Amino acid sequence: MQDYCDLKGRVTDFFPRYLARLDVLFEEVALDFARVGELTG
């Protein structure tokens, strides 16, 4: 049971960081698209 609690704690700790990283990734992709739009437009 302790292992399960530890695993659950690690998962809940992991998700916010993962989502934050996704946020940054989307931001970078949006910036890339804007840059490409400027070059082609």
N, C-alpha and C. Protein backbone atom coordinates (compact mmCIF):
# COMPACT_ATOMS: atom_id res chain seq x y z
N MET A 1 0.83 -1.20 0.00
CA MET A 1 0.00 0.00 0.00
C MET A 1 0.88 1.26 0.00
N GLN A 2 1.98 1.19 0.72
CA GLN A 2 2.89 2.33 0.77
C GLN A 2 3.43 2.64 -0.63
N ASP A 3 3.75 1.60 -1.38
CA ASP A 3 4.26 1.80 -2.73
C ASP A 3 3.23 2.53 -3.58
N TYR A 4 1.97 2.14 -3.42
CA TYR A 4 0.90 2.78 -4.20
C TYR A 4 0.80 4.26 -3.87
N CYS A 5 0.85 4.58 -2.58
CA CYS A 5 0.77 5.98 -2.16
C CYS A 5 1.97 6.76 -2.70
N ASP A 6 3.13 6.15 -2.66
CA ASP A 6 4.34 6.82 -3.15
C ASP A 6 4.22 7.07 -4.65
N LEU A 7 3.73 6.06 -5.36
CA LEU A 7 3.57 6.19 -6.81
C LEU A 7 2.56 7.28 -7.12
N LYS A 8 1.45 7.29 -6.39
CA LYS A 8 0.42 8.29 -6.62
C LYS A 8 0.97 9.69 -6.36
N GLY A 9 1.76 9.83 -5.31
CA GLY A 9 2.36 11.12 -5.00
C GLY A 9 3.30 11.57 -6.11
N ARG A 10 4.04 10.62 -6.65
CA ARG A 10 4.97 10.96 -7.72
C ARG A 10 4.21 11.36 -8.99
N VAL A 11 3.11 10.68 -9.25
CA VAL A 11 2.33 10.99 -10.45
C VAL A 11 1.73 12.39 -10.34
N THR A 12 1.16 12.72 -9.17
CA THR A 12 0.56 14.05 -9.01
C THR A 12 1.65 15.12 -9.03
N ASP A 13 2.87 14.77 -8.63
CA ASP A 13 3.97 15.72 -8.68
C ASP A 13 4.43 15.91 -10.13
N PHE A 14 4.30 14.84 -10.91
CA PHE A 14 4.80 14.84 -12.28
C PHE A 14 3.89 15.66 -13.21
N PHE A 15 2.58 15.55 -13.00
CA PHE A 15 1.65 16.15 -13.95
C PHE A 15 1.77 17.67 -14.08
N PRO A 16 1.82 18.44 -13.00
CA PRO A 16 1.94 19.89 -13.16
C PRO A 16 3.18 20.29 -13.96
N ARG A 17 4.29 19.58 -13.70
CA ARG A 17 5.52 19.91 -14.43
C ARG A 17 5.37 19.57 -15.90
N TYR A 18 4.72 18.43 -16.17
CA TYR A 18 4.52 18.00 -17.55
C TYR A 18 3.64 19.00 -18.30
N LEU A 19 2.56 19.45 -17.63
CA LEU A 19 1.65 20.40 -18.25
C LEU A 19 2.35 21.74 -18.46
N ALA A 20 3.17 22.15 -17.53
CA ALA A 20 3.90 23.41 -17.67
C ALA A 20 4.84 23.32 -18.87
N ARG A 21 5.47 22.15 -19.04
CA ARG A 21 6.38 21.97 -20.16
C ARG A 21 5.59 22.02 -21.48
N LEU A 22 4.39 21.43 -21.48
CA LEU A 22 3.55 21.48 -22.68
C LEU A 22 3.20 22.93 -23.01
N ASP A 23 2.89 23.71 -21.98
CA ASP A 23 2.57 25.13 -22.17
C ASP A 23 3.71 25.84 -22.89
N VAL A 24 4.91 25.63 -22.41
CA VAL A 24 6.08 26.27 -23.01
C VAL A 24 6.26 25.81 -24.45
N LEU A 25 6.04 24.51 -24.67
CA LEU A 25 6.20 23.95 -26.01
C LEU A 25 5.22 24.60 -26.98
N PHE A 26 3.96 24.71 -26.56
CA PHE A 26 2.95 25.33 -27.42
C PHE A 26 3.31 26.78 -27.72
N GLU A 27 3.84 27.46 -26.70
CA GLU A 27 4.23 28.86 -26.89
C GLU A 27 5.32 28.97 -27.95
N GLU A 28 6.30 28.07 -27.88
CA GLU A 28 7.40 28.10 -28.85
C GLU A 28 6.89 27.79 -30.25
N VAL A 29 5.97 26.82 -30.35
CA VAL A 29 5.41 26.47 -31.65
C VAL A 29 4.65 27.65 -32.24
N ALA A 30 3.89 28.34 -31.38
CA ALA A 30 3.13 29.51 -31.85
C ALA A 30 4.08 30.59 -32.35
N LEU A 31 5.19 30.78 -31.64
CA LEU A 31 6.17 31.78 -32.07
C LEU A 31 6.79 31.38 -33.41
N ASP A 32 7.06 30.09 -33.58
CA ASP A 32 7.62 29.61 -34.84
C ASP A 32 6.65 29.89 -35.99
N PHE A 33 5.36 29.61 -35.75
CA PHE A 33 4.37 29.85 -36.79
C PHE A 33 4.30 31.33 -37.14
N ALA A 34 4.39 32.19 -36.13
CA ALA A 34 4.36 33.63 -36.38
C ALA A 34 5.56 34.04 -37.22
N ARG A 35 6.72 33.45 -36.92
CA ARG A 35 7.94 33.78 -37.65
C ARG A 35 7.80 33.34 -39.11
N VAL A 36 7.29 32.13 -39.31
CA VAL A 36 7.11 31.62 -40.67
C VAL A 36 6.10 32.49 -41.42
N GLY A 37 5.05 32.91 -40.73
CA GLY A 37 4.06 33.78 -41.36
C GLY A 37 4.67 35.09 -41.82
N GLU A 38 5.57 35.63 -41.02
CA GLU A 38 6.24 36.88 -41.40
C GLU A 38 7.12 36.67 -42.63
N LEU A 39 7.81 35.53 -42.68
CA LEU A 39 8.71 35.27 -43.79
C LEU A 39 7.95 35.05 -45.09
N THR A 40 6.84 34.32 -45.01
CA THR A 40 6.10 33.97 -46.23
C THR A 40 5.08 35.04 -46.59
N GLY A 41 4.58 35.78 -45.58
CA GLY A 41 3.52 36.75 -45.82
C GLY A 41 4.10 38.06 -46.29
